[in-house]
Amino acid sequence: MPAGTTFDPEAIEAVAYPSWILDLDMSVSKNRDFHVEELMSEAQHFAERIYTFFRWAVEDDFLRRYGGQL
């Protein structure tokens, strides 16, 4: 994003230099019966897949700077 801009000033403060935002979402677009155990399993799978992509997208220096675990 260009310096001094944000797409959501209520959530993310603009910074004085160019920056980027990584927003990852995952969903299923099929109807199915409601079963808590299946939903919890699917949510865990989604979280693992999204985290795998996140770790691929960032470098260790990013994790160190923002307090992530290596």
PDB file of N, CA and C in Angstrom:
ATOM      1  N   MET A   1       0.843  -1.166   0.000  1.00  0.00           N
ATOM      2  CA  MET A   1       0.000   0.000   0.000  1.00  0.00           C
ATOM      3  C   MET A   1       0.891   1.233   0.000  1.00  0.00           C
ATOM      4  N   PRO A   2       0.458   2.265  -0.647  1.00  0.00           N
ATOM      5  CA  PRO A   2       1.255   3.498  -0.643  1.00  0.00           C
ATOM      6  C   PRO A   2       1.393   4.076   0.766  1.00  0.00           C
ATOM      7  N   ALA A   3       2.434   4.832   0.967  1.00  0.00           N
ATOM      8  CA  ALA A   3       2.654   5.482   2.258  1.00  0.00           C
ATOM      9  C   ALA A   3       1.448   6.337   2.634  1.00  0.00           C
ATOM     10  N   GLY A   4       1.095   6.318   3.907  1.00  0.00           N
ATOM     11  CA  GLY A   4       0.024   7.169   4.408  1.00  0.00           C
ATOM     12  C   GLY A   4      -1.380   6.690   4.104  1.00  0.00           C
ATOM     13  N   THR A   5      -1.546   5.459   3.632  1.00  0.00           N
ATOM     14  CA  THR A   5      -2.884   4.970   3.310  1.00  0.00           C
ATOM     15  C   THR A   5      -3.204   3.709   4.104  1.00  0.00           C
ATOM     16  N   THR A   6      -4.490   3.462   4.238  1.00  0.00           N
ATOM     17  CA  THR A   6      -4.981   2.241   4.856  1.00  0.00           C
ATOM     18  C   THR A   6      -6.328   1.914   4.241  1.00  0.00           C
ATOM     19  N   PHE A   7      -6.676   0.660   4.189  1.00  0.00           N
ATOM     20  CA  PHE A   7      -7.982   0.297   3.642  1.00  0.00           C
ATOM     21  C   PHE A   7      -9.054   0.282   4.725  1.00  0.00           C
ATOM     22  N   ASP A   8      -8.640   0.291   6.010  1.00  0.00           N
ATOM     23  CA  ASP A   8      -9.597   0.296   7.115  1.00  0.00           C
ATOM     24  C   ASP A   8      -8.999   1.042   8.299  1.00  0.00           C
ATOM     25  N   PRO A   9      -9.214   2.358   8.369  1.00  0.00           N
ATOM     26  CA  PRO A   9      -8.601   3.153   9.431  1.00  0.00           C
ATOM     27  C   PRO A   9      -9.056   2.759  10.840  1.00  0.00           C
ATOM     28  N   GLU A  10     -10.191   2.080  10.977  1.00  0.00           N
ATOM     29  CA  GLU A  10     -10.654   1.625  12.284  1.00  0.00           C
ATOM     30  C   GLU A  10      -9.835   0.429  12.772  1.00  0.00           C
ATOM     31  N   ALA A  11      -9.241  -0.332  11.848  1.00  0.00           N
ATOM     32  CA  ALA A  11      -8.533  -1.557  12.219  1.00  0.00           C
ATOM     33  C   ALA A  11      -7.017  -1.449  12.066  1.00  0.00           C
ATOM     34  N   ILE A  12      -6.571  -0.729  11.035  1.00  0.00           N
ATOM     35  CA  ILE A  12      -5.145  -0.675  10.729  1.00  0.00           C
ATOM     36  C   ILE A  12      -4.726   0.766  10.506  1.00  0.00           C
ATOM     37  N   GLU A  13      -3.818   1.219  11.322  1.00  0.00           N
ATOM     38  CA  GLU A  13      -3.329   2.592  11.227  1.00  0.00           C
ATOM     39  C   GLU A  13      -2.417   2.756  10.010  1.00  0.00           C
ATOM     40  N   ALA A  14      -2.548   3.856   9.301  1.00  0.00           N
ATOM     41  CA  ALA A  14      -1.669   4.152   8.169  1.00  0.00           C
ATOM     42  C   ALA A  14      -0.258   4.401   8.681  1.00  0.00           C
ATOM     43  N   VAL A  15       0.724   4.027   7.875  1.00  0.00           N
ATOM     44  CA  VAL A  15       2.121   4.265   8.220  1.00  0.00           C
ATOM     45  C   VAL A  15       2.731   5.176   7.165  1.00  0.00           C
ATOM     46  N   ALA A  16       3.860   5.782   7.501  1.00  0.00           N
ATOM     47  CA  ALA A  16       4.473   6.801   6.646  1.00  0.00           C
ATOM     48  C   ALA A  16       5.336   6.223   5.537  1.00  0.00           C
ATOM     49  N   TYR A  17       5.287   4.937   5.329  1.00  0.00           N
ATOM     50  CA  TYR A  17       6.113   4.305   4.297  1.00  0.00           C
ATOM     51  C   TYR A  17       5.278   3.241   3.579  1.00  0.00           C
ATOM     52  N   PRO A  18       5.690   2.837   2.391  1.00  0.00           N
ATOM     53  CA  PRO A  18       4.937   1.794   1.687  1.00  0.00           C
ATOM     54  C   PRO A  18       4.878   0.513   2.535  1.00  0.00           C
ATOM     55  N   SER A  19       3.756  -0.165   2.492  1.00  0.00           N
ATOM     56  CA  SER A  19       3.585  -1.367   3.299  1.00  0.00           C
ATOM     57  C   SER A  19       2.675  -2.349   2.579  1.00  0.00           C
ATOM     58  N   TRP A  20       2.430  -3.468   3.215  1.00  0.00           N
ATOM     59  CA  TRP A  20       1.531  -4.468   2.640  1.00  0.00           C
ATOM     60  C   TRP A  20       0.729  -5.125   3.759  1.00  0.00           C
ATOM     61  N   ILE A  21      -0.351  -5.738   3.378  1.00  0.00           N
ATOM     62  CA  ILE A  21      -1.206  -6.460   4.320  1.00  0.00           C
ATOM     63  C   ILE A  21      -1.489  -7.821   3.714  1.00  0.00           C
ATOM     64  N   LEU A  22      -1.258  -8.855   4.502  1.00  0.00           N
ATOM     65  CA  LEU A  22      -1.550 -10.221   4.069  1.00  0.00           C
ATOM     66  C   LEU A  22      -2.819 -10.658   4.795  1.00  0.00           C
ATOM     67  N   ASP A  23      -3.897 -10.832   4.050  1.00  0.00           N
ATOM     68  CA  ASP A  23      -5.184 -11.219   4.618  1.00  0.00           C
ATOM     69  C   ASP A  23      -5.588 -12.558   4.021  1.00  0.00           C
ATOM     70  N   LEU A  24      -5.570 -13.599   4.821  1.00  0.00           N
ATOM     71  CA  LEU A  24      -5.858 -14.941   4.339  1.00  0.00           C
ATOM     72  C   LEU A  24      -7.205 -15.411   4.875  1.00  0.00           C
ATOM     73  N   ASP A  25      -8.033 -15.920   3.993  1.00  0.00           N
ATOM     74  CA  ASP A  25      -9.335 -16.460   4.358  1.00  0.00           C
ATOM     75  C   ASP A  25      -9.504 -17.808   3.678  1.00  0.00           C
ATOM     76  N   MET A  26     -10.337 -18.635   4.253  1.00  0.00           N
ATOM     77  CA  MET A  26     -10.621 -19.938   3.668  1.00  0.00           C
ATOM     78  C   MET A  26     -12.054 -20.289   4.021  1.00  0.00           C
ATOM     79  N   SER A  27     -12.776 -20.876   3.085  1.00  0.00           N
ATOM     80  CA  SER A  27     -14.171 -21.212   3.355  1.00  0.00           C
ATOM     81  C   SER A  27     -14.607 -22.391   2.499  1.00  0.00           C
ATOM     82  N   VAL A  28     -15.779 -22.879   2.794  1.00  0.00           N
ATOM     83  CA  VAL A  28     -16.422 -23.944   2.028  1.00  0.00           C
ATOM     84  C   VAL A  28     -17.778 -23.414   1.593  1.00  0.00           C
ATOM     85  N   SER A  29     -18.135 -23.647   0.354  1.00  0.00           N
ATOM     86  CA  SER A  29     -19.400 -23.106  -0.154  1.00  0.00           C
ATOM     87  C   SER A  29     -20.409 -24.211  -0.471  1.00  0.00           C
ATOM     88  N   LYS A  30     -20.476 -25.184   0.403  1.00  0.00           N
ATOM     89  CA  LYS A  30     -21.475 -26.235   0.214  1.00  0.00           C
ATOM     90  C   LYS A  30     -22.334 -26.338   1.472  1.00  0.00           C
ATOM     91  N   ASN A  31     -23.581 -26.665   1.306  1.00  0.00           N
ATOM     92  CA  ASN A  31     -24.470 -26.863   2.440  1.00  0.00           C
ATOM     93  C   ASN A  31     -24.241 -28.256   3.015  1.00  0.00           C
ATOM     94  N   ARG A  32     -24.319 -28.340   4.328  1.00  0.00           N
ATOM     95  CA  ARG A  32     -24.167 -29.634   4.988  1.00  0.00           C
ATOM     96  C   ARG A  32     -24.831 -29.583   6.358  1.00  0.00           C
ATOM     97  N   ASP A  33     -25.018 -30.722   6.929  1.00  0.00           N
ATOM     98  CA  ASP A  33     -25.624 -30.795   8.255  1.00  0.00           C
ATOM     99  C   ASP A  33     -24.681 -30.201   9.293  1.00  0.00           C
ATOM    100  N   PHE A  34     -25.264 -29.720  10.373  1.00  0.00           N
ATOM    101  CA  PHE A  34     -24.499 -29.096  11.452  1.00  0.00           C
ATOM    102  C   PHE A  34     -24.043 -30.162  12.442  1.00  0.00           C
ATOM    103  N   HIS A  35     -22.721 -30.352  12.498  1.00  0.00           N
ATOM    104  CA  HIS A  35     -22.111 -31.272  13.463  1.00  0.00           C
ATOM    105  C   HIS A  35     -20.896 -30.560  14.054  1.00  0.00           C
ATOM    106  N   VAL A  36     -20.951 -30.277  15.335  1.00  0.00           N
ATOM    107  CA  VAL A  36     -19.898 -29.501  15.988  1.00  0.00           C
ATOM    108  C   VAL A  36     -18.524 -30.127  15.773  1.00  0.00           C
ATOM    109  N   GLU A  37     -18.409 -31.422  15.954  1.00  0.00           N
ATOM    110  CA  GLU A  37     -17.108 -32.075  15.821  1.00  0.00           C
ATOM    111  C   GLU A  37     -16.527 -31.901  14.417  1.00  0.00           C
ATOM    112  N   GLU A  38     -17.376 -32.034  13.405  1.00  0.00           N
ATOM    113  CA  GLU A  38     -16.910 -31.856  12.024  1.00  0.00           C
ATOM    114  C   GLU A  38     -16.496 -30.412  11.759  1.00  0.00           C
ATOM    115  N   LEU A  39     -17.267 -29.460  12.298  1.00  0.00           N
ATOM    116  CA  LEU A  39     -16.914 -28.049  12.118  1.00  0.00           C
ATOM    117  C   LEU A  39     -15.598 -27.714  12.806  1.00  0.00           C
ATOM    118  N   MET A  40     -15.403 -28.250  14.001  1.00  0.00           N
ATOM    119  CA  MET A  40     -14.154 -28.002  14.725  1.00  0.00           C
ATOM    120  C   MET A  40     -12.963 -28.599  13.966  1.00  0.00           C
ATOM    121  N   SER A  41     -13.135 -29.787  13.426  1.00  0.00           N
ATOM    122  CA  SER A  41     -12.075 -30.427  12.650  1.00  0.00           C
ATOM    123  C   SER A  41     -11.760 -29.613  11.397  1.00  0.00           C
ATOM    124  N   GLU A  42     -12.804 -29.148  10.727  1.00  0.00           N
ATOM    125  CA  GLU A  42     -12.611 -28.347   9.520  1.00  0.00           C
ATOM    126  C   GLU A  42     -11.939 -27.016   9.847  1.00  0.00           C
ATOM    127  N   ALA A  43     -12.337 -26.389  10.940  1.00  0.00           N
ATOM    128  CA  ALA A  43     -11.708 -25.122  11.349  1.00  0.00           C
ATOM    129  C   ALA A  43     -10.226 -25.335  11.658  1.00  0.00           C
ATOM    130  N   GLN A  44      -9.893 -26.433  12.310  1.00  0.00           N
ATOM    131  CA  GLN A  44      -8.489 -26.742  12.601  1.00  0.00           C
ATOM    132  C   GLN A  44      -7.711 -26.934  11.306  1.00  0.00           C
ATOM    133  N   HIS A  45      -8.301 -27.648  10.360  1.00  0.00           N
ATOM    134  CA  HIS A  45      -7.656 -27.862   9.053  1.00  0.00           C
ATOM    135  C   HIS A  45      -7.429 -26.522   8.341  1.00  0.00           C
ATOM    136  N   PHE A  46      -8.435 -25.663   8.352  1.00  0.00           N
ATOM    137  CA  PHE A  46      -8.300 -24.342   7.725  1.00  0.00           C
ATOM    138  C   PHE A  46      -7.153 -23.563   8.367  1.00  0.00           C
ATOM    139  N   ALA A  47      -7.121 -23.548   9.694  1.00  0.00           N
ATOM    140  CA  ALA A  47      -6.085 -22.804  10.408  1.00  0.00           C
ATOM    141  C   ALA A  47      -4.697 -23.331  10.056  1.00  0.00           C
ATOM    142  N   GLU A  48      -4.553 -24.642   9.970  1.00  0.00           N
ATOM    143  CA  GLU A  48      -3.256 -25.229   9.619  1.00  0.00           C
ATOM    144  C   GLU A  48      -2.843 -24.864   8.197  1.00  0.00           C
ATOM    145  N   ARG A  49      -3.772 -24.909   7.255  1.00  0.00           N
ATOM    146  CA  ARG A  49      -3.456 -24.565   5.865  1.00  0.00           C
ATOM    147  C   ARG A  49      -3.083 -23.085   5.741  1.00  0.00           C
ATOM    148  N   ILE A  50      -3.837 -22.217   6.396  1.00  0.00           N
ATOM    149  CA  ILE A  50      -3.557 -20.780   6.337  1.00  0.00           C
ATOM    150  C   ILE A  50      -2.210 -20.480   6.981  1.00  0.00           C
ATOM    151  N   TYR A  51      -1.924 -21.115   8.113  1.00  0.00           N
ATOM    152  CA  TYR A  51      -0.637 -20.894   8.779  1.00  0.00           C
ATOM    153  C   TYR A  51       0.517 -21.385   7.904  1.00  0.00           C
ATOM    154  N   THR A  52       0.326 -22.507   7.216  1.00  0.00           N
ATOM    155  CA  THR A  52       1.352 -23.011   6.309  1.00  0.00           C
ATOM    156  C   THR A  52       1.661 -21.977   5.233  1.00  0.00           C
ATOM    157  N   PHE A  53       0.643 -21.362   4.650  1.00  0.00           N
ATOM    158  CA  PHE A  53       0.871 -20.332   3.633  1.00  0.00           C
ATOM    159  C   PHE A  53       1.547 -19.110   4.245  1.00  0.00           C
ATOM    160  N   PHE A  54       1.076 -18.694   5.433  1.00  0.00           N
ATOM    161  CA  PHE A  54       1.673 -17.548   6.105  1.00  0.00           C
ATOM    162  C   PHE A  54       3.169 -17.767   6.331  1.00  0.00           C
ATOM    163  N   ARG A  55       3.535 -18.940   6.830  1.00  0.00           N
ATOM    164  CA  ARG A  55       4.953 -19.221   7.081  1.00  0.00           C
ATOM    165  C   ARG A  55       5.751 -19.228   5.789  1.00  0.00           C
ATOM    166  N   TRP A  56       5.157 -19.662   4.678  1.00  0.00           N
ATOM    167  CA  TRP A  56       5.823 -19.622   3.387  1.00  0.00           C
ATOM    168  C   TRP A  56       6.030 -18.173   2.942  1.00  0.00           C
ATOM    169  N   ALA A  57       5.065 -17.304   3.264  1.00  0.00           N
ATOM    170  CA  ALA A  57       5.063 -15.929   2.755  1.00  0.00           C
ATOM    171  C   ALA A  57       5.984 -14.984   3.517  1.00  0.00           C
ATOM    172  N   VAL A  58       6.327 -15.309   4.757  1.00  0.00           N
ATOM    173  CA  VAL A  58       7.159 -14.403   5.550  1.00  0.00           C
ATOM    174  C   VAL A  58       8.521 -15.026   5.834  1.00  0.00           C
ATOM    175  N   GLU A  59       9.470 -14.155   6.104  1.00  0.00           N
ATOM    176  CA  GLU A  59      10.819 -14.612   6.424  1.00  0.00           C
ATOM    177  C   GLU A  59      11.025 -14.631   7.927  1.00  0.00           C
ATOM    178  N   ASP A  60      12.070 -15.300   8.379  1.00  0.00           N
ATOM    179  CA  ASP A  60      12.362 -15.394   9.811  1.00  0.00           C
ATOM    180  C   ASP A  60      12.536 -14.022  10.450  1.00  0.00           C
ATOM    181  N   ASP A  61      13.126 -13.067   9.719  1.00  0.00           N
ATOM    182  CA  ASP A  61      13.298 -11.711  10.271  1.00  0.00           C
ATOM    183  C   ASP A  61      11.955 -11.077  10.614  1.00  0.00           C
ATOM    184  N   PHE A  62      10.947 -11.326   9.806  1.00  0.00           N
ATOM    185  CA  PHE A  62       9.603 -10.816  10.088  1.00  0.00           C
ATOM    186  C   PHE A  62       9.093 -11.401  11.403  1.00  0.00           C
ATOM    187  N   LEU A  63       9.248 -12.698  11.573  1.00  0.00           N
ATOM    188  CA  LEU A  63       8.798 -13.347  12.805  1.00  0.00           C
ATOM    189  C   LEU A  63       9.543 -12.814  14.022  1.00  0.00           C
ATOM    190  N   ARG A  64      10.838 -12.639  13.901  1.00  0.00           N
ATOM    191  CA  ARG A  64      11.617 -12.092  15.013  1.00  0.00           C
ATOM    192  C   ARG A  64      11.137 -10.688  15.377  1.00  0.00           C
ATOM    193  N   ARG A  65      10.933  -9.861  14.365  1.00  0.00           N
ATOM    194  CA  ARG A  65      10.532  -8.474  14.608  1.00  0.00           C
ATOM    195  C   ARG A  65       9.180  -8.378  15.320  1.00  0.00           C
ATOM    196  N   TYR A  66       8.264  -9.258  14.965  1.00  0.00           N
ATOM    197  CA  TYR A  66       6.911  -9.170  15.515  1.00  0.00           C
ATOM    198  C   TYR A  66       6.612 -10.220  16.588  1.00  0.00           C
ATOM    199  N   GLY A  67       7.665 -10.849  17.104  1.00  0.00           N
ATOM    200  CA  GLY A  67       7.505 -11.738  18.239  1.00  0.00           C
ATOM    201  C   GLY A  67       7.021 -13.129  17.917  1.00  0.00           C
ATOM    202  N   GLY A  68       7.137 -13.553  16.661  1.00  0.00           N
ATOM    203  CA  GLY A  68       6.730 -14.898  16.290  1.00  0.00           C
ATOM    204  C   GLY A  68       7.750 -15.932  16.718  1.00  0.00           C
ATOM    205  N   GLN A  69       7.350 -17.174  16.711  1.00  0.00           N
ATOM    206  CA  GLN A  69       8.252 -18.270  17.063  1.00  0.00           C
ATOM    207  C   GLN A  69       8.869 -18.856  15.809  1.00  0.00           C
ATOM    208  N   LEU A  70      10.158 -19.132  15.879  1.00  0.00           N
ATOM    209  CA  LEU A  70      10.865 -19.741  14.752  1.00  0.00           C
ATOM    210  C   LEU A  70      10.860 -21.243  14.891  1.00  0.00           C
TER     211      LEU A  70
END
